Amino acid sequence: MPDDALEDYLDKQRGARGRRLREIHALIERLYPDAEVSMKYRMPTFEWNGGWVAIANQKHYVSLYTCAAEHLNEFRHAHPEIRTGKGCINLRDGDELPVEDLALVVRSAMSKRTS
């Protein structure tokens, strides 16, 4: 994917949400600089070794999507106050951004295929 599509997406996100998306993007890029990046489902999606994660700005939060709920187990236990879905983390504007715990989620999703 041309870097332009990713940059265009990130540039459209303003304020705290834009900063939060860029911080999560930088985390993924730091952990997996060789990940294949696309705009699947109209959001930045990062694929590596059969796993994937995606990020998106939603109406009320920034989401980190993974390929399966199993990747969120430790995160849910450590951060019960942060809303999660079946395979995603929904970071509301007032939520902390637990970067190191998000890194564990990204590593899990990128290095394991779902069962």
Protein backbone atom coordinates (compact mmCIF):
# COMPACT_ATOMS: atom_id res chain seq x y z
CA MET A 1 0.00 0.00 0.00
CA PRO A 2 1.34 3.42 -0.75
CA ASP A 3 2.21 5.33 2.40
CA ASP A 4 -0.06 8.11 1.09
CA ALA A 5 -3.28 6.22 1.92
CA LEU A 6 -2.17 5.59 5.49
CA GLU A 7 -0.94 9.15 5.93
CA ASP A 8 -4.17 10.53 4.45
CA TYR A 9 -6.17 8.47 6.94
CA LEU A 10 -4.06 9.60 9.89
CA ASP A 11 -4.00 13.23 8.75
CA LYS A 12 -7.82 13.36 8.77
CA GLN A 13 -7.88 12.49 12.47
CA ARG A 14 -7.51 15.63 14.57
CA GLY A 15 -6.73 16.49 18.16
CA ALA A 16 -6.40 13.86 20.86
CA ARG A 17 -7.81 11.12 18.63
CA GLY A 18 -5.27 11.83 15.93
CA ARG A 19 -2.44 11.75 18.45
CA ARG A 20 -3.75 8.51 19.93
CA LEU A 21 -4.02 6.84 16.51
CA ARG A 22 -0.51 7.97 15.61
CA GLU A 23 0.84 6.64 18.90
CA ILE A 24 -0.75 3.22 18.33
CA HIS A 25 0.45 3.25 14.71
CA ALA A 26 3.99 4.07 15.88
CA LEU A 27 3.82 1.19 18.37
CA ILE A 28 2.80 -1.29 15.67
CA GLU A 29 5.43 0.06 13.29
CA ARG A 30 8.12 -0.21 16.00
CA LEU A 31 7.17 -3.81 16.82
CA TYR A 32 6.64 -4.94 13.21
CA PRO A 33 8.47 -2.66 10.78
CA ASP A 34 8.11 -5.30 8.05
CA ALA A 35 4.36 -5.75 8.42
CA GLU A 36 2.31 -5.45 5.26
CA VAL A 37 0.06 -2.39 5.55
CA SER A 38 -3.22 -2.01 3.70
CA MET A 39 -6.51 -0.17 4.05
CA LYS A 40 -8.70 -3.26 4.41
CA TYR A 41 -12.14 -2.39 5.66
CA ARG A 42 -11.19 1.29 5.12
CA MET A 43 -8.86 1.33 8.11
CA PRO A 44 -5.11 0.84 8.49
CA THR A 45 -4.51 -2.91 8.73
CA PHE A 46 -1.14 -4.47 9.53
CA GLU A 47 -0.44 -8.11 8.62
CA TRP A 48 2.53 -10.23 9.60
CA ASN A 49 3.14 -13.97 9.82
CA GLY A 50 -0.53 -14.89 9.38
CA GLY A 51 -1.79 -12.50 12.06
CA TRP A 52 -3.15 -8.98 11.81
CA VAL A 53 -4.23 -5.89 13.72
CA ALA A 54 -6.08 -2.79 12.54
CA ILE A 55 -6.71 0.66 13.98
CA ALA A 56 -9.64 3.00 13.44
CA ASN A 57 -11.22 6.19 14.68
CA GLN A 58 -14.83 5.41 15.60
CA LYS A 59 -17.56 7.79 16.71
CA HIS A 60 -16.74 7.65 20.44
CA TYR A 61 -13.35 5.93 20.64
CA VAL A 62 -10.23 4.70 18.89
CA SER A 63 -10.23 0.95 18.27
CA LEU A 64 -7.48 -1.62 18.01
CA TYR A 65 -8.85 -4.69 16.22
CA THR A 66 -7.31 -8.15 16.40
CA CYS A 67 -8.04 -11.41 14.64
CA ALA A 68 -9.47 -13.15 17.74
CA ALA A 69 -10.73 -12.57 21.28
CA GLU A 70 -7.97 -14.76 22.74
CA HIS A 71 -5.46 -11.97 22.13
CA LEU A 72 -7.25 -9.72 24.62
CA ASN A 73 -7.41 -11.99 27.67
CA GLU A 74 -4.47 -10.51 29.59
CA PHE A 75 -5.42 -6.96 28.59
CA ARG A 76 -8.99 -7.43 29.85
CA HIS A 77 -7.70 -8.69 33.18
CA ALA A 78 -5.21 -5.82 33.56
CA HIS A 79 -7.64 -3.10 32.36
CA PRO A 80 -11.25 -4.01 33.19
CA GLU A 81 -12.18 -0.32 32.99
CA ILE A 82 -11.35 -0.17 29.27
CA ARG A 83 -14.14 -1.39 27.01
CA THR A 84 -13.37 -4.37 24.81
CA GLY A 85 -15.36 -6.24 22.22
CA LYS A 86 -15.05 -9.75 20.86
CA GLY A 87 -11.67 -9.05 19.26
CA CYS A 88 -11.12 -5.33 19.79
CA ILE A 89 -10.16 -2.70 22.34
CA ASN A 90 -12.19 0.52 22.32
CA LEU A 91 -10.16 3.35 23.84
CA ARG A 92 -12.43 6.24 24.79
CA ASP A 93 -10.98 9.73 24.90
CA GLY A 94 -10.67 9.68 28.71
CA ASP A 95 -9.10 6.21 28.92
CA GLU A 96 -5.42 5.86 29.63
CA LEU A 97 -3.30 4.55 26.77
CA PRO A 98 -1.48 1.54 28.29
CA VAL A 99 1.11 1.29 25.54
CA GLU A 100 3.07 -1.66 26.93
CA ASP A 101 -0.09 -3.70 27.46
CA LEU A 102 -1.26 -2.81 23.96
CA ALA A 103 2.13 -4.06 22.73
CA LEU A 104 1.37 -7.45 24.30
CA VAL A 105 -1.94 -7.57 22.43
CA VAL A 106 -0.28 -6.63 19.13
CA ARG A 107 2.47 -9.24 19.62
CA SER A 108 -0.09 -11.93 20.40
CA ALA A 109 -2.24 -11.09 17.38
CA MET A 110 0.68 -10.86 14.98
CA SER A 111 2.44 -14.02 16.07
CA LYS A 112 -0.46 -16.45 16.42
CA ARG A 113 -2.99 -17.71 14.01
CA THR A 114 -6.45 -18.09 15.48
CA SER A 115 -7.66 -21.55 16.40
